[in-house]
Amino acid sequence: MSTSLYYNASRATALTAAETAAVERVVTARQSSFPYPDEESLFLYEEGGSEPDAIVAGSTKMPFDVEHVMPALEHVLSSVTELRRALPNAQWHVHLDDFDIPWDESEGYFLPS
């Protein structure tokens, strides 16, 4: 059984050209810096996914290698934090299967200890 991190942002207005460019920059930079090239990293769905008013949506399947899970998860959460900061006027929901990931204004998305 696999575990996935899901992330989506929604709002009534579509992305502007500047916001689209910012999202593309974050995705390109974060995918290229992902530590495990053979594993799934930050992945955005086409057209924002199926949620109403979705402007960004995606998911990442966590690696099967136990030693890769935490570094991969931390990297993707950091990536989603960058996306949220690039789109601050959106409603965000980030969850690891059924567990909601909390948001902190200074730290971003994090796993509680």
N, C-alpha and C. Protein backbone atom coordinates (compact mmCIF):
# COMPACT_ATOMS: atom_id res chain seq x y z
N MET A 1 0.84 -1.17 0.00
CA MET A 1 0.00 0.00 0.00
C MET A 1 0.89 1.24 0.00
N SER A 2 0.53 2.21 -0.81
CA SER A 2 1.35 3.42 -0.88
C SER A 2 0.66 4.58 -0.17
N THR A 3 1.47 5.54 0.22
CA THR A 3 1.00 6.75 0.85
C THR A 3 1.29 7.91 -0.08
N SER A 4 0.36 8.84 -0.18
CA SER A 4 0.56 9.99 -1.06
C SER A 4 0.27 11.29 -0.32
N LEU A 5 0.99 12.31 -0.74
CA LEU A 5 0.74 13.67 -0.27
C LEU A 5 -0.08 14.36 -1.35
N TYR A 6 -1.19 14.99 -0.96
CA TYR A 6 -2.07 15.68 -1.89
C TYR A 6 -2.07 17.16 -1.53
N TYR A 7 -2.12 18.01 -2.55
CA TYR A 7 -2.11 19.45 -2.32
C TYR A 7 -2.97 20.12 -3.36
N ASN A 8 -3.75 21.11 -2.91
CA ASN A 8 -4.55 21.88 -3.86
C ASN A 8 -4.81 23.27 -3.32
N ALA A 9 -4.98 24.19 -4.25
CA ALA A 9 -5.30 25.58 -3.95
C ALA A 9 -6.51 25.95 -4.79
N SER A 10 -7.42 26.69 -4.19
CA SER A 10 -8.61 27.10 -4.94
C SER A 10 -8.94 28.54 -4.61
N ARG A 11 -9.62 29.16 -5.55
CA ARG A 11 -10.17 30.51 -5.38
C ARG A 11 -11.07 30.79 -6.58
N ALA A 12 -11.84 31.84 -6.49
CA ALA A 12 -12.82 32.14 -7.54
C ALA A 12 -12.18 32.66 -8.83
N THR A 13 -10.98 33.23 -8.75
CA THR A 13 -10.34 33.78 -9.95
C THR A 13 -9.20 32.88 -10.43
N ALA A 14 -9.04 32.84 -11.75
CA ALA A 14 -7.98 32.01 -12.35
C ALA A 14 -6.60 32.63 -12.08
N LEU A 15 -5.58 31.83 -12.32
CA LEU A 15 -4.21 32.33 -12.18
C LEU A 15 -3.94 33.42 -13.21
N THR A 16 -3.21 34.43 -12.79
CA THR A 16 -2.75 35.45 -13.73
C THR A 16 -1.53 34.91 -14.46
N ALA A 17 -1.10 35.59 -15.49
CA ALA A 17 0.11 35.19 -16.23
C ALA A 17 1.32 35.20 -15.31
N ALA A 18 1.42 36.21 -14.45
CA ALA A 18 2.55 36.29 -13.51
C ALA A 18 2.52 35.15 -12.51
N GLU A 19 1.34 34.80 -12.02
CA GLU A 19 1.21 33.70 -11.08
C GLU A 19 1.55 32.37 -11.75
N THR A 20 1.09 32.19 -12.98
CA THR A 20 1.40 30.97 -13.72
C THR A 20 2.90 30.83 -13.89
N ALA A 21 3.58 31.91 -14.23
CA ALA A 21 5.03 31.89 -14.38
C ALA A 21 5.71 31.57 -13.05
N ALA A 22 5.20 32.12 -11.95
CA ALA A 22 5.78 31.84 -10.63
C ALA A 22 5.62 30.37 -10.26
N VAL A 23 4.45 29.81 -10.54
CA VAL A 23 4.21 28.38 -10.27
C VAL A 23 5.17 27.53 -11.10
N GLU A 24 5.31 27.85 -12.37
CA GLU A 24 6.21 27.09 -13.23
C GLU A 24 7.66 27.17 -12.75
N ARG A 25 8.08 28.34 -12.27
CA ARG A 25 9.45 28.48 -11.74
C ARG A 25 9.65 27.60 -10.52
N VAL A 26 8.69 27.61 -9.61
CA VAL A 26 8.79 26.79 -8.40
C VAL A 26 8.85 25.32 -8.78
N VAL A 27 7.94 24.88 -9.63
CA VAL A 27 7.88 23.46 -10.02
C VAL A 27 9.18 23.03 -10.68
N THR A 28 9.69 23.81 -11.61
CA THR A 28 10.93 23.46 -12.31
C THR A 28 12.10 23.37 -11.33
N ALA A 29 12.24 24.37 -10.47
CA ALA A 29 13.35 24.39 -9.52
C ALA A 29 13.26 23.24 -8.52
N ARG A 30 12.06 23.01 -8.00
CA ARG A 30 11.91 21.97 -6.97
C ARG A 30 12.02 20.57 -7.56
N GLN A 31 11.53 20.36 -8.77
CA GLN A 31 11.68 19.04 -9.38
C GLN A 31 13.15 18.74 -9.67
N SER A 32 13.88 19.74 -10.13
CA SER A 32 15.29 19.51 -10.46
C SER A 32 16.16 19.32 -9.22
N SER A 33 15.71 19.80 -8.06
CA SER A 33 16.49 19.63 -6.84
C SER A 33 16.02 18.45 -5.98
N PHE A 34 15.05 17.69 -6.47
CA PHE A 34 14.54 16.55 -5.71
C PHE A 34 15.66 15.52 -5.53
N PRO A 35 15.87 15.02 -4.32
CA PRO A 35 17.04 14.18 -4.05
C PRO A 35 17.02 12.76 -4.64
N TYR A 36 15.87 12.29 -5.10
CA TYR A 36 15.78 10.91 -5.59
C TYR A 36 15.19 10.90 -7.00
N PRO A 37 16.05 10.93 -8.02
CA PRO A 37 15.56 11.05 -9.39
C PRO A 37 14.66 9.90 -9.85
N ASP A 38 14.74 8.75 -9.19
CA ASP A 38 13.91 7.61 -9.59
C ASP A 38 12.59 7.55 -8.84
N GLU A 39 12.33 8.53 -7.99
CA GLU A 39 11.09 8.58 -7.21
C GLU A 39 10.23 9.73 -7.71
N GLU A 40 8.97 9.70 -7.35
CA GLU A 40 8.04 10.76 -7.72
C GLU A 40 8.29 11.99 -6.86
N SER A 41 8.30 13.17 -7.48
CA SER A 41 8.47 14.41 -6.73
C SER A 41 7.22 15.27 -6.88
N LEU A 42 7.37 16.57 -6.74
CA LEU A 42 6.25 17.49 -6.89
C LEU A 42 5.61 17.26 -8.26
N PHE A 43 4.29 17.05 -8.27
CA PHE A 43 3.58 16.79 -9.52
C PHE A 43 2.25 17.52 -9.51
N LEU A 44 2.06 18.42 -10.47
CA LEU A 44 0.79 19.15 -10.58
C LEU A 44 -0.05 18.56 -11.69
N TYR A 45 -1.36 18.44 -11.43
CA TYR A 45 -2.31 17.96 -12.42
C TYR A 45 -2.55 19.03 -13.47
N GLU A 46 -2.96 18.61 -14.64
CA GLU A 46 -3.37 19.55 -15.68
C GLU A 46 -4.65 20.25 -15.25
N GLU A 47 -4.76 21.52 -15.56
CA GLU A 47 -5.98 22.30 -15.32
C GLU A 47 -6.40 22.35 -13.85
N GLY A 48 -5.48 22.15 -12.92
CA GLY A 48 -5.81 22.31 -11.51
C GLY A 48 -6.58 21.18 -10.87
N GLY A 49 -6.81 20.10 -11.57
CA GLY A 49 -7.51 18.97 -10.98
C GLY A 49 -9.02 19.09 -11.11
N SER A 50 -9.73 18.31 -10.31
CA SER A 50 -11.18 18.22 -10.45
C SER A 50 -11.96 19.01 -9.40
N GLU A 51 -11.30 19.62 -8.45
CA GLU A 51 -12.00 20.38 -7.41
C GLU A 51 -12.57 21.68 -7.98
N PRO A 52 -13.73 22.12 -7.48
CA PRO A 52 -14.29 23.39 -7.96
C PRO A 52 -13.34 24.54 -7.62
N ASP A 53 -13.17 25.44 -8.55
CA ASP A 53 -12.32 26.63 -8.39
C ASP A 53 -10.84 26.29 -8.15
N ALA A 54 -10.42 25.07 -8.42
CA ALA A 54 -9.02 24.70 -8.22
C ALA A 54 -8.14 25.46 -9.21
N ILE A 55 -7.07 26.05 -8.69
CA ILE A 55 -6.11 26.74 -9.56
C ILE A 55 -4.80 25.97 -9.62
N VAL A 56 -4.52 25.19 -8.59
CA VAL A 56 -3.34 24.32 -8.53
C VAL A 56 -3.73 23.08 -7.75
N ALA A 57 -3.37 21.92 -8.26
CA ALA A 57 -3.61 20.67 -7.54
C ALA A 57 -2.59 19.65 -8.00
N GLY A 58 -2.22 18.78 -7.07
CA GLY A 58 -1.28 17.74 -7.42
C GLY A 58 -1.14 16.72 -6.31
N SER A 59 -0.24 15.78 -6.54
CA SER A 59 0.02 14.75 -5.53
C SER A 59 1.40 14.18 -5.77
N THR A 60 1.92 13.57 -4.71
CA THR A 60 3.21 12.89 -4.77
C THR A 60 3.11 11.59 -4.01
N LYS A 61 3.41 10.49 -4.69
CA LYS A 61 3.44 9.20 -4.02
C LYS A 61 4.76 9.10 -3.26
N MET A 62 4.69 8.73 -1.99
CA MET A 62 5.89 8.61 -1.18
C MET A 62 6.69 7.37 -1.59
N PRO A 63 8.01 7.45 -1.48
CA PRO A 63 8.86 6.31 -1.87
C PRO A 63 8.59 5.08 -1.01
N PHE A 64 8.87 3.91 -1.57
CA PHE A 64 8.75 2.67 -0.80
C PHE A 64 9.96 2.47 0.11
N ASP A 65 11.12 3.01 -0.28
CA ASP A 65 12.33 2.91 0.53
C ASP A 65 12.15 3.78 1.78
N VAL A 66 12.12 3.15 2.94
CA VAL A 66 11.84 3.84 4.20
C VAL A 66 12.84 4.98 4.44
N GLU A 67 14.07 4.82 4.04
CA GLU A 67 15.08 5.86 4.25
C GLU A 67 14.85 7.09 3.37
N HIS A 68 14.08 6.95 2.33
CA HIS A 68 13.80 8.06 1.43
C HIS A 68 12.53 8.83 1.79
N VAL A 69 11.68 8.25 2.61
CA VAL A 69 10.37 8.84 2.87
C VAL A 69 10.47 10.23 3.50
N MET A 70 11.17 10.37 4.60
CA MET A 70 11.21 11.66 5.28
C MET A 70 11.90 12.74 4.44
N PRO A 71 13.07 12.47 3.84
CA PRO A 71 13.66 13.51 2.99
C PRO A 71 12.75 13.89 1.81
N ALA A 72 12.09 12.92 1.21
CA ALA A 72 11.19 13.22 0.09
C ALA A 72 10.00 14.04 0.57
N LEU A 73 9.41 13.65 1.69
CA LEU A 73 8.27 14.37 2.23
C LEU A 73 8.64 15.80 2.60
N GLU A 74 9.78 15.97 3.25
CA GLU A 74 10.23 17.31 3.62
C GLU A 74 10.46 18.18 2.38
N HIS A 75 11.03 17.60 1.35
CA HIS A 75 11.28 18.35 0.11
C HIS A 75 9.98 18.78 -0.54
N VAL A 76 9.02 17.88 -0.63
CA VAL A 76 7.75 18.22 -1.28
C VAL A 76 6.96 19.21 -0.43
N LEU A 77 6.97 19.06 0.88
CA LEU A 77 6.29 20.04 1.74
C LEU A 77 6.92 21.42 1.58
N SER A 78 8.23 21.48 1.46
CA SER A 78 8.91 22.74 1.22
C SER A 78 8.51 23.32 -0.13
N SER A 79 8.35 22.45 -1.12
CA SER A 79 7.92 22.88 -2.45
C SER A 79 6.51 23.46 -2.40
N VAL A 80 5.61 22.79 -1.70
CA VAL A 80 4.24 23.26 -1.59
C VAL A 80 4.19 24.57 -0.79
N THR A 81 5.07 24.70 0.19
CA THR A 81 5.18 25.95 0.93
C THR A 81 5.54 27.09 -0.02
N GLU A 82 6.49 26.86 -0.91
CA GLU A 82 6.86 27.89 -1.90
C GLU A 82 5.67 28.23 -2.81
N LEU A 83 4.94 27.20 -3.21
CA LEU A 83 3.77 27.45 -4.06
C LEU A 83 2.73 28.29 -3.31
N ARG A 84 2.48 27.95 -2.06
CA ARG A 84 1.49 28.71 -1.29
C ARG A 84 1.92 30.17 -1.14
N ARG A 85 3.20 30.38 -0.92
CA ARG A 85 3.69 31.76 -0.78
C ARG A 85 3.63 32.51 -2.10
N ALA A 86 3.70 31.80 -3.22
CA ALA A 86 3.57 32.43 -4.54
C ALA A 86 2.10 32.75 -4.86
N LEU A 87 1.17 32.06 -4.19
CA LEU A 87 -0.28 32.24 -4.42
C LEU A 87 -0.98 32.48 -3.08
N PRO A 88 -0.67 33.58 -2.40
CA PRO A 88 -1.16 33.78 -1.03
C PRO A 88 -2.66 33.99 -0.90
N ASN A 89 -3.34 34.35 -1.97
CA ASN A 89 -4.77 34.63 -1.87
C ASN A 89 -5.64 33.43 -2.20
N ALA A 90 -5.07 32.24 -2.13
CA ALA A 90 -5.83 31.02 -2.43
C ALA A 90 -6.13 30.27 -1.14
N GLN A 91 -7.12 29.43 -1.20
CA GLN A 91 -7.48 28.53 -0.10
C GLN A 91 -6.72 27.23 -0.32
N TRP A 92 -5.85 26.84 0.60
CA TRP A 92 -4.99 25.66 0.43
C TRP A 92 -5.45 24.50 1.30
N HIS A 93 -5.27 23.30 0.78
CA HIS A 93 -5.49 22.08 1.55
C HIS A 93 -4.37 21.11 1.19
N VAL A 94 -3.64 20.69 2.21
CA VAL A 94 -2.53 19.75 2.02
C VAL A 94 -2.74 18.61 3.01
N HIS A 95 -2.68 17.38 2.49
CA HIS A 95 -2.89 16.25 3.39
C HIS A 95 -2.10 15.03 2.91
N LEU A 96 -1.69 14.25 3.87
CA LEU A 96 -0.99 12.98 3.65
C LEU A 96 -2.05 11.90 3.87
N ASP A 97 -2.58 11.38 2.76
CA ASP A 97 -3.75 10.51 2.80
C ASP A 97 -4.84 11.18 3.65
N ASP A 98 -5.18 10.66 4.82
CA ASP A 98 -6.26 11.24 5.63
C ASP A 98 -5.79 12.22 6.70
N PHE A 99 -4.50 12.52 6.75
CA PHE A 99 -3.93 13.40 7.78
C PHE A 99 -3.67 14.78 7.20
N ASP A 100 -4.37 15.80 7.72
CA ASP A 100 -4.14 17.17 7.27
C ASP A 100 -2.79 17.68 7.75
N ILE A 101 -2.05 18.31 6.85
CA ILE A 101 -0.74 18.87 7.19
C ILE A 101 -0.96 20.32 7.64
N PRO A 102 -0.46 20.67 8.83
CA PRO A 102 -0.67 22.02 9.33
C PRO A 102 0.20 23.06 8.61
N TRP A 103 -0.28 24.30 8.64
CA TRP A 103 0.42 25.44 8.07
C TRP A 103 0.85 26.37 9.20
N ASP A 104 2.07 26.87 9.09
CA ASP A 104 2.59 27.86 10.02
C ASP A 104 3.15 29.01 9.18
N GLU A 105 2.75 30.24 9.46
CA GLU A 105 3.17 31.38 8.65
C GLU A 105 4.69 31.50 8.53
N SER A 106 5.42 31.21 9.58
CA SER A 106 6.88 31.36 9.50
C SER A 106 7.57 30.10 8.96
N GLU A 107 7.06 28.92 9.30
CA GLU A 107 7.71 27.67 8.90
C GLU A 107 7.14 27.07 7.62
N GLY A 108 5.91 27.38 7.30
CA GLY A 108 5.27 26.76 6.16
C GLY A 108 4.60 25.46 6.57
N TYR A 109 4.53 24.51 5.63
CA TYR A 109 3.94 23.20 5.93
C TYR A 109 4.96 22.36 6.68
N PHE A 110 4.48 21.63 7.68
CA PHE A 110 5.38 20.83 8.50
C PHE A 110 4.64 19.64 9.10
N LEU A 111 5.43 18.64 9.49
CA LEU A 111 4.86 17.50 10.21
C LEU A 111 5.02 17.75 11.69
N PRO A 112 3.93 17.75 12.44
CA PRO A 112 4.05 17.96 13.88
C PRO A 112 4.82 16.82 14.54
N SER A 113 5.54 17.17 15.57
CA SER A 113 6.31 16.12 16.27
C SER A 113 5.52 15.48 17.37
